[in-house]
Amino acid sequence: MELDDDKLLRRFLGEKKQEIADNGFSKRVIRNLPDHKRNWVQILNIITMLICFALFFSLGGLKALENTLREVFISVLDYGAANLDPKALIIAAVVLIILGTRKVCSLA
């Protein structure tokens, strides 16, 4: 429930509303802002990503990932293949891929 004061305030502000011409002011301000910090952040992100890839490959990340996926697949086949719904598995995989992609994109 909205208070009477809120209604009065909205009506008053609605009556007094004025549009102020921008005349390109916002674009000029944005164009004149310093951009050097954003460049450093992008460079730092690229360097960090390259270091992570180098560590992943040099420390045997592919082999560990392969072994983990093999063990998961074997355990699923051993303990629950009869009750496994392929549609649910596909939906879960798609959801995980979408969430992972959104997370990676939000880091950039």
N, C-alpha and C. Protein backbone atom coordinates (compact mmCIF):
# COMPACT_ATOMS: atom_id res chain seq x y z
N MET A 1 0.84 -1.18 0.00
CA MET A 1 0.00 0.00 0.00
C MET A 1 0.89 1.24 0.00
N GLU A 2 0.57 2.15 -0.89
CA GLU A 2 1.39 3.34 -1.03
C GLU A 2 0.85 4.45 -0.12
N LEU A 3 1.75 5.16 0.51
CA LEU A 3 1.36 6.24 1.40
C LEU A 3 0.87 7.44 0.59
N ASP A 4 0.06 8.27 1.24
CA ASP A 4 -0.46 9.48 0.57
C ASP A 4 0.67 10.43 0.21
N ASP A 5 1.70 10.48 1.07
CA ASP A 5 2.83 11.37 0.79
C ASP A 5 3.55 10.96 -0.49
N ASP A 6 3.68 9.65 -0.70
CA ASP A 6 4.32 9.15 -1.92
C ASP A 6 3.52 9.55 -3.15
N LYS A 7 2.19 9.43 -3.05
CA LYS A 7 1.34 9.80 -4.19
C LYS A 7 1.46 11.29 -4.48
N LEU A 8 1.44 12.10 -3.44
CA LEU A 8 1.56 13.54 -3.63
C LEU A 8 2.91 13.90 -4.23
N LEU A 9 3.95 13.28 -3.74
CA LEU A 9 5.29 13.56 -4.25
C LEU A 9 5.42 13.16 -5.71
N ARG A 10 4.89 12.01 -6.08
CA ARG A 10 4.95 11.57 -7.48
C ARG A 10 4.16 12.51 -8.38
N ARG A 11 3.01 12.94 -7.95
CA ARG A 11 2.20 13.86 -8.76
C ARG A 11 2.92 15.19 -8.90
N PHE A 12 3.49 15.70 -7.82
CA PHE A 12 4.20 16.98 -7.87
C PHE A 12 5.40 16.91 -8.81
N LEU A 13 6.20 15.85 -8.65
CA LEU A 13 7.38 15.71 -9.50
C LEU A 13 6.99 15.46 -10.96
N GLY A 14 5.88 14.78 -11.19
CA GLY A 14 5.42 14.54 -12.55
C GLY A 14 5.00 15.83 -13.24
N GLU A 15 4.39 16.73 -12.47
CA GLU A 15 3.96 18.02 -13.04
C GLU A 15 5.16 18.93 -13.32
N LYS A 16 6.20 18.86 -12.53
CA LYS A 16 7.35 19.76 -12.65
C LYS A 16 8.47 19.18 -13.52
N LYS A 17 8.25 18.02 -14.11
CA LYS A 17 9.29 17.36 -14.88
C LYS A 17 9.65 18.20 -16.11
N GLN A 18 10.98 18.36 -16.32
CA GLN A 18 11.47 19.11 -17.47
C GLN A 18 12.52 18.28 -18.20
N GLU A 19 12.51 18.34 -19.50
CA GLU A 19 13.53 17.69 -20.31
C GLU A 19 14.60 18.72 -20.63
N ILE A 20 15.84 18.36 -20.36
CA ILE A 20 16.96 19.24 -20.64
C ILE A 20 17.69 18.70 -21.86
N ALA A 21 17.93 19.58 -22.83
CA ALA A 21 18.59 19.15 -24.06
C ALA A 21 20.04 18.79 -23.78
N ASP A 22 20.46 17.65 -24.32
CA ASP A 22 21.82 17.14 -24.09
C ASP A 22 22.81 17.81 -25.04
N ASN A 23 22.45 17.99 -26.26
CA ASN A 23 23.30 18.61 -27.29
C ASN A 23 24.66 17.95 -27.39
N GLY A 24 24.73 16.64 -27.20
CA GLY A 24 25.98 15.92 -27.36
C GLY A 24 26.92 16.00 -26.16
N PHE A 25 26.45 16.54 -25.05
CA PHE A 25 27.30 16.71 -23.87
C PHE A 25 27.79 15.36 -23.33
N SER A 26 26.88 14.39 -23.22
CA SER A 26 27.25 13.09 -22.67
C SER A 26 28.32 12.40 -23.50
N LYS A 27 28.18 12.48 -24.83
CA LYS A 27 29.18 11.86 -25.71
C LYS A 27 30.54 12.53 -25.56
N ARG A 28 30.57 13.85 -25.42
CA ARG A 28 31.84 14.56 -25.25
C ARG A 28 32.52 14.19 -23.94
N VAL A 29 31.72 14.04 -22.89
CA VAL A 29 32.28 13.66 -21.58
C VAL A 29 32.88 12.26 -21.66
N ILE A 30 32.13 11.33 -22.22
CA ILE A 30 32.62 9.95 -22.33
C ILE A 30 33.87 9.89 -23.18
N ARG A 31 33.92 10.66 -24.26
CA ARG A 31 35.09 10.67 -25.14
C ARG A 31 36.33 11.22 -24.44
N ASN A 32 36.15 12.13 -23.50
CA ASN A 32 37.28 12.76 -22.84
C ASN A 32 37.72 12.08 -21.55
N LEU A 33 37.02 11.01 -21.15
CA LEU A 33 37.44 10.28 -19.95
C LEU A 33 38.73 9.52 -20.23
N PRO A 34 39.61 9.43 -19.23
CA PRO A 34 40.85 8.68 -19.44
C PRO A 34 40.56 7.20 -19.63
N ASP A 35 41.24 6.60 -20.58
CA ASP A 35 40.97 5.21 -20.96
C ASP A 35 42.12 4.29 -20.58
N HIS A 36 43.17 4.83 -19.96
CA HIS A 36 44.37 4.04 -19.72
C HIS A 36 44.17 2.93 -18.71
N LYS A 37 43.29 3.10 -17.72
CA LYS A 37 43.07 2.05 -16.72
C LYS A 37 42.42 0.83 -17.34
N ARG A 38 41.49 1.05 -18.26
CA ARG A 38 40.82 -0.08 -18.90
C ARG A 38 41.81 -0.89 -19.73
N ASN A 39 42.75 -0.21 -20.38
CA ASN A 39 43.75 -0.92 -21.17
C ASN A 39 44.63 -1.79 -20.28
N TRP A 40 45.02 -1.28 -19.11
CA TRP A 40 45.84 -2.07 -18.19
C TRP A 40 45.09 -3.28 -17.67
N VAL A 41 43.81 -3.12 -17.43
CA VAL A 41 43.01 -4.24 -16.95
C VAL A 41 42.92 -5.32 -18.02
N GLN A 42 42.73 -4.92 -19.27
CA GLN A 42 42.67 -5.90 -20.35
C GLN A 42 44.00 -6.61 -20.52
N ILE A 43 45.10 -5.88 -20.45
CA ILE A 43 46.42 -6.48 -20.56
C ILE A 43 46.66 -7.46 -19.41
N LEU A 44 46.29 -7.05 -18.19
CA LEU A 44 46.46 -7.92 -17.03
C LEU A 44 45.61 -9.18 -17.16
N ASN A 45 44.39 -9.05 -17.67
CA ASN A 45 43.53 -10.23 -17.88
C ASN A 45 44.15 -11.19 -18.88
N ILE A 46 44.70 -10.68 -19.95
CA ILE A 46 45.31 -11.54 -20.97
C ILE A 46 46.53 -12.25 -20.41
N ILE A 47 47.38 -11.52 -19.67
CA ILE A 47 48.58 -12.13 -19.08
C ILE A 47 48.19 -13.22 -18.08
N THR A 48 47.19 -12.94 -17.24
CA THR A 48 46.74 -13.92 -16.26
C THR A 48 46.16 -15.15 -16.95
N MET A 49 45.39 -14.96 -18.01
CA MET A 49 44.82 -16.08 -18.73
C MET A 49 45.92 -16.92 -19.37
N LEU A 50 46.94 -16.31 -19.93
CA LEU A 50 48.05 -17.05 -20.54
C LEU A 50 48.81 -17.84 -19.49
N ILE A 51 49.03 -17.25 -18.32
CA ILE A 51 49.71 -17.96 -17.23
C ILE A 51 48.88 -19.17 -16.79
N CYS A 52 47.56 -18.98 -16.69
CA CYS A 52 46.69 -20.09 -16.28
C CYS A 52 46.73 -21.22 -17.29
N PHE A 53 46.68 -20.89 -18.58
CA PHE A 53 46.76 -21.92 -19.61
C PHE A 53 48.10 -22.65 -19.55
N ALA A 54 49.19 -21.89 -19.38
CA ALA A 54 50.51 -22.51 -19.32
C ALA A 54 50.61 -23.46 -18.12
N LEU A 55 50.11 -23.03 -16.97
CA LEU A 55 50.14 -23.88 -15.78
C LEU A 55 49.24 -25.11 -15.97
N PHE A 56 48.09 -24.92 -16.57
CA PHE A 56 47.18 -26.04 -16.79
C PHE A 56 47.83 -27.12 -17.64
N PHE A 57 48.47 -26.71 -18.74
CA PHE A 57 49.09 -27.70 -19.63
C PHE A 57 50.38 -28.26 -19.06
N SER A 58 51.17 -27.41 -18.40
CA SER A 58 52.46 -27.89 -17.89
C SER A 58 52.31 -28.81 -16.68
N LEU A 59 51.26 -28.65 -15.91
CA LEU A 59 51.05 -29.48 -14.72
C LEU A 59 50.15 -30.69 -15.00
N GLY A 60 49.88 -30.95 -16.28
CA GLY A 60 49.12 -32.15 -16.63
C GLY A 60 47.63 -32.01 -16.44
N GLY A 61 47.10 -30.85 -16.69
CA GLY A 61 45.67 -30.63 -16.52
C GLY A 61 44.82 -31.43 -17.47
N LEU A 62 45.30 -31.61 -18.71
CA LEU A 62 44.53 -32.39 -19.67
C LEU A 62 44.42 -33.85 -19.24
N LYS A 63 45.52 -34.40 -18.77
CA LYS A 63 45.51 -35.79 -18.31
C LYS A 63 44.59 -35.96 -17.10
N ALA A 64 44.65 -35.01 -16.16
CA ALA A 64 43.79 -35.07 -14.97
C ALA A 64 42.32 -34.93 -15.37
N LEU A 65 42.03 -34.06 -16.31
CA LEU A 65 40.66 -33.89 -16.77
C LEU A 65 40.16 -35.14 -17.47
N GLU A 66 41.01 -35.73 -18.29
CA GLU A 66 40.66 -36.96 -18.98
C GLU A 66 40.40 -38.09 -17.99
N ASN A 67 41.26 -38.25 -17.00
CA ASN A 67 41.08 -39.30 -15.99
C ASN A 67 39.80 -39.10 -15.19
N THR A 68 39.53 -37.86 -14.82
CA THR A 68 38.32 -37.56 -14.04
C THR A 68 37.07 -37.88 -14.84
N LEU A 69 37.04 -37.45 -16.10
CA LEU A 69 35.88 -37.73 -16.93
C LEU A 69 35.71 -39.23 -17.17
N ARG A 70 36.81 -39.95 -17.34
CA ARG A 70 36.74 -41.40 -17.53
C ARG A 70 36.18 -42.06 -16.27
N GLU A 71 36.65 -41.65 -15.10
CA GLU A 71 36.16 -42.24 -13.85
C GLU A 71 34.68 -41.94 -13.63
N VAL A 72 34.27 -40.73 -13.93
CA VAL A 72 32.86 -40.38 -13.78
C VAL A 72 32.01 -41.22 -14.73
N PHE A 73 32.44 -41.33 -15.96
CA PHE A 73 31.69 -42.11 -16.94
C PHE A 73 31.59 -43.58 -16.53
N ILE A 74 32.69 -44.14 -16.07
CA ILE A 74 32.70 -45.55 -15.65
C ILE A 74 31.80 -45.75 -14.43
N SER A 75 31.88 -44.83 -13.47
CA SER A 75 31.04 -44.98 -12.27
C SER A 75 29.57 -44.82 -12.60
N VAL A 76 29.24 -43.93 -13.55
CA VAL A 76 27.83 -43.80 -13.95
C VAL A 76 27.37 -45.08 -14.62
N LEU A 77 28.20 -45.65 -15.45
CA LEU A 77 27.81 -46.90 -16.12
C LEU A 77 27.68 -48.05 -15.12
N ASP A 78 28.57 -48.09 -14.13
CA ASP A 78 28.54 -49.18 -13.15
C ASP A 78 27.36 -49.09 -12.19
N TYR A 79 27.02 -47.89 -11.73
CA TYR A 79 26.08 -47.76 -10.62
C TYR A 79 24.71 -47.20 -10.98
N GLY A 80 24.52 -46.72 -12.18
CA GLY A 80 23.20 -46.13 -12.39
C GLY A 80 22.79 -46.00 -13.83
N ALA A 81 23.35 -46.77 -14.71
CA ALA A 81 23.01 -46.63 -16.13
C ALA A 81 21.57 -47.05 -16.38
N ALA A 82 21.05 -47.97 -15.59
CA ALA A 82 19.69 -48.44 -15.81
C ALA A 82 18.66 -47.36 -15.48
N ASN A 83 18.95 -46.53 -14.49
CA ASN A 83 18.00 -45.50 -14.07
C ASN A 83 18.29 -44.13 -14.66
N LEU A 84 19.24 -44.04 -15.54
CA LEU A 84 19.67 -42.75 -16.08
C LEU A 84 18.75 -42.31 -17.21
N ASP A 85 18.23 -41.09 -17.10
CA ASP A 85 17.37 -40.53 -18.13
C ASP A 85 18.22 -39.68 -19.08
N PRO A 86 18.32 -40.05 -20.35
CA PRO A 86 19.19 -39.29 -21.27
C PRO A 86 18.76 -37.84 -21.44
N LYS A 87 17.46 -37.57 -21.42
CA LYS A 87 16.99 -36.19 -21.57
C LYS A 87 17.46 -35.33 -20.40
N ALA A 88 17.36 -35.86 -19.20
CA ALA A 88 17.80 -35.12 -18.02
C ALA A 88 19.30 -34.86 -18.07
N LEU A 89 20.06 -35.84 -18.55
CA LEU A 89 21.50 -35.68 -18.67
C LEU A 89 21.85 -34.61 -19.69
N ILE A 90 21.15 -34.59 -20.82
CA ILE A 90 21.40 -33.57 -21.84
C ILE A 90 21.03 -32.19 -21.32
N ILE A 91 19.90 -32.08 -20.64
CA ILE A 91 19.48 -30.79 -20.08
C ILE A 91 20.50 -30.31 -19.05
N ALA A 92 20.96 -31.20 -18.19
CA ALA A 92 21.95 -30.81 -17.19
C ALA A 92 23.25 -30.36 -17.86
N ALA A 93 23.67 -31.05 -18.91
CA ALA A 93 24.90 -30.66 -19.61
C ALA A 93 24.76 -29.30 -20.27
N VAL A 94 23.61 -29.05 -20.89
CA VAL A 94 23.37 -27.75 -21.54
C VAL A 94 23.36 -26.64 -20.50
N VAL A 95 22.69 -26.86 -19.39
CA VAL A 95 22.64 -25.84 -18.33
C VAL A 95 24.04 -25.55 -17.80
N LEU A 96 24.82 -26.59 -17.56
CA LEU A 96 26.18 -26.38 -17.07
C LEU A 96 27.04 -25.63 -18.09
N ILE A 97 26.89 -25.93 -19.35
CA ILE A 97 27.65 -25.23 -20.39
C ILE A 97 27.25 -23.76 -20.44
N ILE A 98 25.95 -23.48 -20.37
CA ILE A 98 25.48 -22.09 -20.40
C ILE A 98 25.98 -21.32 -19.19
N LEU A 99 25.86 -21.92 -18.00
CA LEU A 99 26.32 -21.24 -16.79
C LEU A 99 27.83 -21.01 -16.81
N GLY A 100 28.57 -22.00 -17.29
CA GLY A 100 30.02 -21.84 -17.39
C GLY A 100 30.40 -20.75 -18.37
N THR A 101 29.71 -20.70 -19.50
CA THR A 101 29.98 -19.66 -20.50
C THR A 101 29.66 -18.29 -19.96
N ARG A 102 28.55 -18.15 -19.26
CA ARG A 102 28.20 -16.84 -18.68
C ARG A 102 29.23 -16.40 -17.63
N LYS A 103 29.72 -17.36 -16.85
CA LYS A 103 30.71 -17.03 -15.83
C LYS A 103 32.01 -16.58 -16.47
N VAL A 104 32.43 -17.28 -17.51
CA VAL A 104 33.68 -16.91 -18.20
C VAL A 104 33.53 -15.54 -18.85
N CYS A 105 32.37 -15.29 -19.47
CA CYS A 105 32.15 -13.99 -20.12
C CYS A 105 32.06 -12.86 -19.11
N SER A 106 31.54 -13.13 -17.93
CA SER A 106 31.44 -12.07 -16.92
C SER A 106 32.80 -11.72 -16.33
N LEU A 107 33.76 -12.61 -16.44
CA LEU A 107 35.10 -12.32 -15.94
C LEU A 107 35.86 -11.41 -16.87
N ALA A 108 35.51 -11.41 -18.15
CA ALA A 108 36.24 -10.61 -19.14
C ALA A 108 36.01 -9.14 -18.98
